[in-house]
């Protein structure tokens, strides 16, 4: 049985999420990712097929659907 890494819960729901990935010094936002969301802590996990599709998108030849500016904050 699958357990979420953060809290150990097995209760999940399917939903779509947006996720920012760090690719070297670059940040990439991928929208509308199908995910399993933990009912206890909200952790999102992705299937291996979804993970492979994300890898293909960000490392492949496709162009982004749009570009956005992003605010950056740092705790010091």
PDB file of N, CA and C in Angstrom:
ATOM      1  N   UNK A   1       0.844  -1.183   0.000  1.00  0.00           N
ATOM      2  CA  UNK A   1       0.000   0.000   0.000  1.00  0.00           C
ATOM      3  C   UNK A   1       0.890   1.248   0.000  1.00  0.00           C
ATOM      4  N   UNK A   2       0.521   2.233  -0.799  1.00  0.00           N
ATOM      5  CA  UNK A   2       1.299   3.470  -0.903  1.00  0.00           C
ATOM      6  C   UNK A   2       1.113   4.330   0.342  1.00  0.00           C
ATOM      7  N   UNK A   3       2.209   4.881   0.849  1.00  0.00           N
ATOM      8  CA  UNK A   3       2.178   5.829   1.968  1.00  0.00           C
ATOM      9  C   UNK A   3       2.874   7.111   1.530  1.00  0.00           C
ATOM     10  N   UNK A   4       2.287   8.234   1.907  1.00  0.00           N
ATOM     11  CA  UNK A   4       2.909   9.519   1.599  1.00  0.00           C
ATOM     12  C   UNK A   4       4.157   9.695   2.449  1.00  0.00           C
ATOM     13  N   UNK A   5       5.180  10.264   1.830  1.00  0.00           N
ATOM     14  CA  UNK A   5       6.489  10.429   2.465  1.00  0.00           C
ATOM     15  C   UNK A   5       6.440  11.352   3.678  1.00  0.00           C
ATOM     16  N   UNK A   6       5.736  12.469   3.589  1.00  0.00           N
ATOM     17  CA  UNK A   6       5.762  13.488   4.644  1.00  0.00           C
ATOM     18  C   UNK A   6       5.102  13.002   5.924  1.00  0.00           C
ATOM     19  N   UNK A   7       3.878  12.448   5.833  1.00  0.00           N
ATOM     20  CA  UNK A   7       3.131  12.125   7.054  1.00  0.00           C
ATOM     21  C   UNK A   7       2.812  10.645   7.219  1.00  0.00           C
ATOM     22  N   UNK A   8       3.031   9.847   6.195  1.00  0.00           N
ATOM     23  CA  UNK A   8       2.755   8.419   6.287  1.00  0.00           C
ATOM     24  C   UNK A   8       1.311   8.024   6.024  1.00  0.00           C
ATOM     25  N   UNK A   9       0.459   8.978   5.711  1.00  0.00           N
ATOM     26  CA  UNK A   9      -0.952   8.691   5.454  1.00  0.00           C
ATOM     27  C   UNK A   9      -1.120   7.879   4.172  1.00  0.00           C
ATOM     28  N   UNK A  10      -2.215   7.124   4.102  1.00  0.00           N
ATOM     29  CA  UNK A  10      -2.549   6.384   2.883  1.00  0.00           C
ATOM     30  C   UNK A  10      -3.795   6.957   2.201  1.00  0.00           C
ATOM     31  N   UNK A  11      -4.427   7.965   2.816  1.00  0.00           N
ATOM     32  CA  UNK A  11      -5.635   8.579   2.247  1.00  0.00           C
ATOM     33  C   UNK A  11      -5.245   9.600   1.185  1.00  0.00           C
ATOM     34  N   UNK A  12      -5.801   9.437  -0.029  1.00  0.00           N
ATOM     35  CA  UNK A  12      -5.435  10.337  -1.124  1.00  0.00           C
ATOM     36  C   UNK A  12      -6.653  10.660  -1.978  1.00  0.00           C
ATOM     37  N   UNK A  13      -6.538  11.768  -2.691  1.00  0.00           N
ATOM     38  CA  UNK A  13      -7.544  12.142  -3.680  1.00  0.00           C
ATOM     39  C   UNK A  13      -6.809  12.546  -4.947  1.00  0.00           C
ATOM     40  N   UNK A  14      -7.457  12.386  -6.082  1.00  0.00           N
ATOM     41  CA  UNK A  14      -6.868  12.802  -7.355  1.00  0.00           C
ATOM     42  C   UNK A  14      -7.256  14.246  -7.631  1.00  0.00           C
ATOM     43  N   UNK A  15      -6.292  15.027  -8.108  1.00  0.00           N
ATOM     44  CA  UNK A  15      -6.540  16.429  -8.440  1.00  0.00           C
ATOM     45  C   UNK A  15      -5.459  16.878  -9.414  1.00  0.00           C
ATOM     46  N   UNK A  16      -5.558  18.121  -9.849  1.00  0.00           N
ATOM     47  CA  UNK A  16      -4.539  18.720 -10.706  1.00  0.00           C
ATOM     48  C   UNK A  16      -3.853  19.829  -9.932  1.00  0.00           C
ATOM     49  N   UNK A  17      -2.524  19.934 -10.080  1.00  0.00           N
ATOM     50  CA  UNK A  17      -1.741  20.940  -9.366  1.00  0.00           C
ATOM     51  C   UNK A  17      -0.811  21.658 -10.336  1.00  0.00           C
ATOM     52  N   UNK A  18      -0.290  22.792  -9.890  1.00  0.00           N
ATOM     53  CA  UNK A  18       0.770  23.514 -10.588  1.00  0.00           C
ATOM     54  C   UNK A  18       2.031  23.349  -9.751  1.00  0.00           C
ATOM     55  N   UNK A  19       3.154  23.119 -10.387  1.00  0.00           N
ATOM     56  CA  UNK A  19       4.396  22.855  -9.656  1.00  0.00           C
ATOM     57  C   UNK A  19       5.559  23.599 -10.306  1.00  0.00           C
ATOM     58  N   UNK A  20       6.420  24.204  -9.476  1.00  0.00           N
ATOM     59  CA  UNK A  20       7.639  24.858  -9.959  1.00  0.00           C
ATOM     60  C   UNK A  20       8.797  23.883  -9.772  1.00  0.00           C
ATOM     61  N   UNK A  21       9.535  23.646 -10.844  1.00  0.00           N
ATOM     62  CA  UNK A  21      10.690  22.751 -10.809  1.00  0.00           C
ATOM     63  C   UNK A  21      11.959  23.564 -11.001  1.00  0.00           C
ATOM     64  N   UNK A  22      13.020  23.204 -10.267  1.00  0.00           N
ATOM     65  CA  UNK A  22      14.329  23.835 -10.421  1.00  0.00           C
ATOM     66  C   UNK A  22      15.133  22.996 -11.413  1.00  0.00           C
ATOM     67  N   UNK A  23      15.521  23.628 -12.518  1.00  0.00           N
ATOM     68  CA  UNK A  23      16.339  22.981 -13.548  1.00  0.00           C
ATOM     69  C   UNK A  23      17.629  23.789 -13.627  1.00  0.00           C
ATOM     70  N   UNK A  24      18.640  23.375 -12.885  1.00  0.00           N
ATOM     71  CA  UNK A  24      19.857  24.183 -12.775  1.00  0.00           C
ATOM     72  C   UNK A  24      19.526  25.513 -12.127  1.00  0.00           C
ATOM     73  N   UNK A  25      19.881  26.618 -12.780  1.00  0.00           N
ATOM     74  CA  UNK A  25      19.572  27.959 -12.270  1.00  0.00           C
ATOM     75  C   UNK A  25      18.201  28.452 -12.728  1.00  0.00           C
ATOM     76  N   UNK A  26      17.526  27.678 -13.507  1.00  0.00           N
ATOM     77  CA  UNK A  26      16.235  28.035 -14.098  1.00  0.00           C
ATOM     78  C   UNK A  26      15.081  27.472 -13.276  1.00  0.00           C
ATOM     79  N   UNK A  27      13.976  28.195 -13.224  1.00  0.00           N
ATOM     80  CA  UNK A  27      12.755  27.701 -12.596  1.00  0.00           C
ATOM     81  C   UNK A  27      11.705  27.554 -13.687  1.00  0.00           C
ATOM     82  N   UNK A  28      10.987  26.442 -13.670  1.00  0.00           N
ATOM     83  CA  UNK A  28       9.989  26.148 -14.688  1.00  0.00           C
ATOM     84  C   UNK A  28       8.672  25.815 -13.997  1.00  0.00           C
ATOM     85  N   UNK A  29       7.613  26.502 -14.391  1.00  0.00           N
ATOM     86  CA  UNK A  29       6.275  26.227 -13.874  1.00  0.00           C
ATOM     87  C   UNK A  29       5.568  25.283 -14.837  1.00  0.00           C
ATOM     88  N   UNK A  30       5.092  24.167 -14.314  1.00  0.00           N
ATOM     89  CA  UNK A  30       4.294  23.233 -15.111  1.00  0.00           C
ATOM     90  C   UNK A  30       2.893  23.233 -14.508  1.00  0.00           C
ATOM     91  N   UNK A  31       1.911  23.549 -15.347  1.00  0.00           N
ATOM     92  CA  UNK A  31       0.535  23.673 -14.875  1.00  0.00           C
ATOM     93  C   UNK A  31      -0.284  22.429 -15.197  1.00  0.00           C
ATOM     94  N   UNK A  32      -1.322  22.224 -14.403  1.00  0.00           N
ATOM     95  CA  UNK A  32      -2.336  21.198 -14.637  1.00  0.00           C
ATOM     96  C   UNK A  32      -1.743  19.784 -14.616  1.00  0.00           C
ATOM     97  N   UNK A  33      -0.907  19.514 -13.615  1.00  0.00           N
ATOM     98  CA  UNK A  33      -0.316  18.185 -13.460  1.00  0.00           C
ATOM     99  C   UNK A  33      -1.282  17.272 -12.710  1.00  0.00           C
ATOM    100  N   UNK A  34      -1.607  16.097 -13.243  1.00  0.00           N
ATOM    101  CA  UNK A  34      -2.415  15.153 -12.476  1.00  0.00           C
ATOM    102  C   UNK A  34      -1.587  14.622 -11.308  1.00  0.00           C
ATOM    103  N   UNK A  35      -2.189  14.603 -10.122  1.00  0.00           N
ATOM    104  CA  UNK A  35      -1.447  14.204  -8.927  1.00  0.00           C
ATOM    105  C   UNK A  35      -2.348  13.480  -7.941  1.00  0.00           C
ATOM    106  N   UNK A  36      -1.716  12.726  -7.064  1.00  0.00           N
ATOM    107  CA  UNK A  36      -2.375  12.171  -5.887  1.00  0.00           C
ATOM    108  C   UNK A  36      -2.058  13.130  -4.747  1.00  0.00           C
ATOM    109  N   UNK A  37      -3.086  13.639  -4.074  1.00  0.00           N
ATOM    110  CA  UNK A  37      -2.914  14.614  -3.003  1.00  0.00           C
ATOM    111  C   UNK A  37      -3.246  13.952  -1.676  1.00  0.00           C
ATOM    112  N   UNK A  38      -2.345  14.067  -0.714  1.00  0.00           N
ATOM    113  CA  UNK A  38      -2.563  13.492   0.608  1.00  0.00           C
ATOM    114  C   UNK A  38      -3.727  14.193   1.303  1.00  0.00           C
ATOM    115  N   UNK A  39      -4.640  13.407   1.858  1.00  0.00           N
ATOM    116  CA  UNK A  39      -5.776  13.953   2.585  1.00  0.00           C
ATOM    117  C   UNK A  39      -5.403  14.539   3.925  1.00  0.00           C
ATOM    118  N   UNK A  40      -4.229  14.190   4.450  1.00  0.00           N
ATOM    119  CA  UNK A  40      -3.806  14.693   5.752  1.00  0.00           C
ATOM    120  C   UNK A  40      -2.921  15.929   5.630  1.00  0.00           C
ATOM    121  N   UNK A  41      -1.840  15.852   4.837  1.00  0.00           N
ATOM    122  CA  UNK A  41      -0.856  16.948   4.825  1.00  0.00           C
ATOM    123  C   UNK A  41      -0.824  17.744   3.519  1.00  0.00           C
ATOM    124  N   UNK A  42      -1.495  17.260   2.471  1.00  0.00           N
ATOM    125  CA  UNK A  42      -1.532  17.991   1.207  1.00  0.00           C
ATOM    126  C   UNK A  42      -0.367  17.720   0.272  1.00  0.00           C
ATOM    127  N   UNK A  43       0.530  16.801   0.638  1.00  0.00           N
ATOM    128  CA  UNK A  43       1.656  16.463  -0.238  1.00  0.00           C
ATOM    129  C   UNK A  43       1.128  15.950  -1.579  1.00  0.00           C
ATOM    130  N   UNK A  44       1.749  16.393  -2.665  1.00  0.00           N
ATOM    131  CA  UNK A  44       1.376  15.931  -4.001  1.00  0.00           C
ATOM    132  C   UNK A  44       2.418  14.943  -4.504  1.00  0.00           C
ATOM    133  N   UNK A  45       1.962  13.834  -5.065  1.00  0.00           N
ATOM    134  CA  UNK A  45       2.863  12.878  -5.700  1.00  0.00           C
ATOM    135  C   UNK A  45       2.395  12.656  -7.131  1.00  0.00           C
ATOM    136  N   UNK A  46       3.346  12.303  -7.988  1.00  0.00           N
ATOM    137  CA  UNK A  46       3.070  12.155  -9.409  1.00  0.00           C
ATOM    138  C   UNK A  46       3.401  10.741  -9.862  1.00  0.00           C
ATOM    139  N   UNK A  47       2.637  10.243 -10.812  1.00  0.00           N
ATOM    140  CA  UNK A  47       2.912   8.920 -11.375  1.00  0.00           C
ATOM    141  C   UNK A  47       4.208   8.971 -12.179  1.00  0.00           C
ATOM    142  N   UNK A  48       4.763   7.806 -12.459  1.00  0.00           N
ATOM    143  CA  UNK A  48       5.989   7.765 -13.266  1.00  0.00           C
ATOM    144  C   UNK A  48       5.715   8.280 -14.680  1.00  0.00           C
ATOM    145  N   UNK A  49       4.516   8.042 -15.212  1.00  0.00           N
ATOM    146  CA  UNK A  49       4.172   8.549 -16.547  1.00  0.00           C
ATOM    147  C   UNK A  49       4.128  10.075 -16.556  1.00  0.00           C
ATOM    148  N   UNK A  50       3.558  10.666 -15.517  1.00  0.00           N
ATOM    149  CA  UNK A  50       3.508  12.131 -15.415  1.00  0.00           C
ATOM    150  C   UNK A  50       4.908  12.698 -15.256  1.00  0.00           C
ATOM    151  N   UNK A  51       5.719  12.067 -14.429  1.00  0.00           N
ATOM    152  CA  UNK A  51       7.092  12.519 -14.219  1.00  0.00           C
ATOM    153  C   UNK A  51       7.879  12.485 -15.526  1.00  0.00           C
ATOM    154  N   UNK A  52       7.707  11.432 -16.307  1.00  0.00           N
ATOM    155  CA  UNK A  52       8.402  11.324 -17.595  1.00  0.00           C
ATOM    156  C   UNK A  52       7.914  12.388 -18.573  1.00  0.00           C
ATOM    157  N   UNK A  53       6.623  12.677 -18.574  1.00  0.00           N
ATOM    158  CA  UNK A  53       6.074  13.716 -19.458  1.00  0.00           C
ATOM    159  C   UNK A  53       6.653  15.083 -19.087  1.00  0.00           C
ATOM    160  N   UNK A  54       6.766  15.382 -17.786  1.00  0.00           N
ATOM    161  CA  UNK A  54       7.357  16.648 -17.335  1.00  0.00           C
ATOM    162  C   UNK A  54       8.808  16.727 -17.795  1.00  0.00           C
ATOM    163  N   UNK A  55       9.562  15.650 -17.601  1.00  0.00           N
ATOM    164  CA  UNK A  55      10.968  15.631 -18.027  1.00  0.00           C
ATOM    165  C   UNK A  55      11.069  15.901 -19.521  1.00  0.00           C
ATOM    166  N   UNK A  56      10.225  15.266 -20.287  1.00  0.00           N
ATOM    167  CA  UNK A  56      10.226  15.447 -21.736  1.00  0.00           C
ATOM    168  C   UNK A  56       9.884  16.889 -22.120  1.00  0.00           C
ATOM    169  N   UNK A  57       8.918  17.481 -21.435  1.00  0.00           N
ATOM    170  CA  UNK A  57       8.530  18.866 -21.722  1.00  0.00           C
ATOM    171  C   UNK A  57       9.662  19.850 -21.459  1.00  0.00           C
ATOM    172  N   UNK A  58      10.254  19.772 -20.267  1.00  0.00           N
ATOM    173  CA  UNK A  58      11.224  20.802 -19.876  1.00  0.00           C
ATOM    174  C   UNK A  58      12.606  20.594 -20.481  1.00  0.00           C
ATOM    175  N   UNK A  59      12.931  19.371 -20.880  1.00  0.00           N
ATOM    176  CA  UNK A  59      14.239  19.107 -21.489  1.00  0.00           C
ATOM    177  C   UNK A  59      14.155  18.916 -22.998  1.00  0.00           C
ATOM    178  N   UNK A  60      12.952  18.907 -23.545  1.00  0.00           N
ATOM    179  CA  UNK A  60      12.760  18.645 -24.969  1.00  0.00           C
ATOM    180  C   UNK A  60      12.788  19.908 -25.805  1.00  0.00           C
ATOM    181  N   UNK A  61      12.236  19.788 -26.983  1.00  0.00           N
ATOM    182  CA  UNK A  61      12.253  20.876 -27.957  1.00  0.00           C
ATOM    183  C   UNK A  61      10.994  21.745 -27.924  1.00  0.00           C
ATOM    184  N   UNK A  62      10.021  21.386 -27.079  1.00  0.00           N
ATOM    185  CA  UNK A  62       8.780  22.167 -27.040  1.00  0.00           C
ATOM    186  C   UNK A  62       9.014  23.549 -26.455  1.00  0.00           C
ATOM    187  N   UNK A  63       8.249  24.514 -26.947  1.00  0.00           N
ATOM    188  CA  UNK A  63       8.303  25.877 -26.412  1.00  0.00           C
ATOM    189  C   UNK A  63       7.258  26.007 -25.311  1.00  0.00           C
ATOM    190  N   UNK A  64       7.519  26.859 -24.315  1.00  0.00           N
ATOM    191  CA  UNK A  64       6.517  27.062 -23.262  1.00  0.00           C
ATOM    192  C   UNK A  64       5.252  27.694 -23.841  1.00  0.00           C
ATOM    193  N   UNK A  65       4.110  27.431 -23.198  1.00  0.00           N
ATOM    194  CA  UNK A  65       2.847  28.017 -23.659  1.00  0.00           C
ATOM    195  C   UNK A  65       2.776  29.501 -23.341  1.00  0.00           C
ATOM    196  N   UNK A  66       3.533  29.942 -22.334  1.00  0.00           N
ATOM    197  CA  UNK A  66       3.635  31.358 -21.984  1.00  0.00           C
ATOM    198  C   UNK A  66       4.826  31.534 -21.058  1.00  0.00           C
ATOM    199  N   UNK A  67       5.227  32.776 -20.848  1.00  0.00           N
ATOM    200  CA  UNK A  67       6.323  33.102 -19.941  1.00  0.00           C
ATOM    201  C   UNK A  67       5.804  34.094 -18.917  1.00  0.00           C
ATOM    202  N   UNK A  68       6.212  33.920 -17.653  1.00  0.00           N
ATOM    203  CA  UNK A  68       5.768  34.816 -16.584  1.00  0.00           C
ATOM    204  C   UNK A  68       6.972  35.350 -15.817  1.00  0.00           C
ATOM    205  N   UNK A  69       6.783  36.508 -15.178  1.00  0.00           N
ATOM    206  CA  UNK A  69       7.791  37.018 -14.240  1.00  0.00           C
ATOM    207  C   UNK A  69       7.489  36.391 -12.882  1.00  0.00           C
ATOM    208  N   UNK A  70       8.513  36.194 -12.069  1.00  0.00           N
ATOM    209  CA  UNK A  70       8.317  35.567 -10.771  1.00  0.00           C
ATOM    210  C   UNK A  70       9.048  36.360  -9.697  1.00  0.00           C
ATOM    211  N   UNK A  71       8.349  36.697  -8.605  1.00  0.00           N
ATOM    212  CA  UNK A  71       8.999  37.346  -7.473  1.00  0.00           C
ATOM    213  C   UNK A  71       9.843  36.320  -6.729  1.00  0.00           C
ATOM    214  N   UNK A  72      10.983  36.756  -6.228  1.00  0.00           N
ATOM    215  CA  UNK A  72      11.881  35.875  -5.488  1.00  0.00           C
ATOM    216  C   UNK A  72      12.109  36.461  -4.107  1.00  0.00           C
ATOM    217  N   UNK A  73      11.924  35.646  -3.083  1.00  0.00           N
ATOM    218  CA  UNK A  73      12.143  36.054  -1.702  1.00  0.00           C
ATOM    219  C   UNK A  73      13.185  35.134  -1.089  1.00  0.00           C
ATOM    220  N   UNK A  74      13.923  35.636  -0.111  1.00  0.00           N
ATOM    221  CA  UNK A  74      14.911  34.819   0.582  1.00  0.00           C
ATOM    222  C   UNK A  74      14.829  35.094   2.077  1.00  0.00           C
ATOM    223  N   UNK A  75      14.845  34.040   2.871  1.00  0.00           N
ATOM    224  CA  UNK A  75      14.934  34.185   4.323  1.00  0.00           C
ATOM    225  C   UNK A  75      16.407  34.228   4.681  1.00  0.00           C
ATOM    226  N   UNK A  76      16.794  35.238   5.403  1.00  0.00           N
ATOM    227  CA  UNK A  76      18.209  35.377   5.770  1.00  0.00           C
ATOM    228  C   UNK A  76      18.364  35.373   7.255  1.00  0.00           C
TER     229      UNK A  76
END
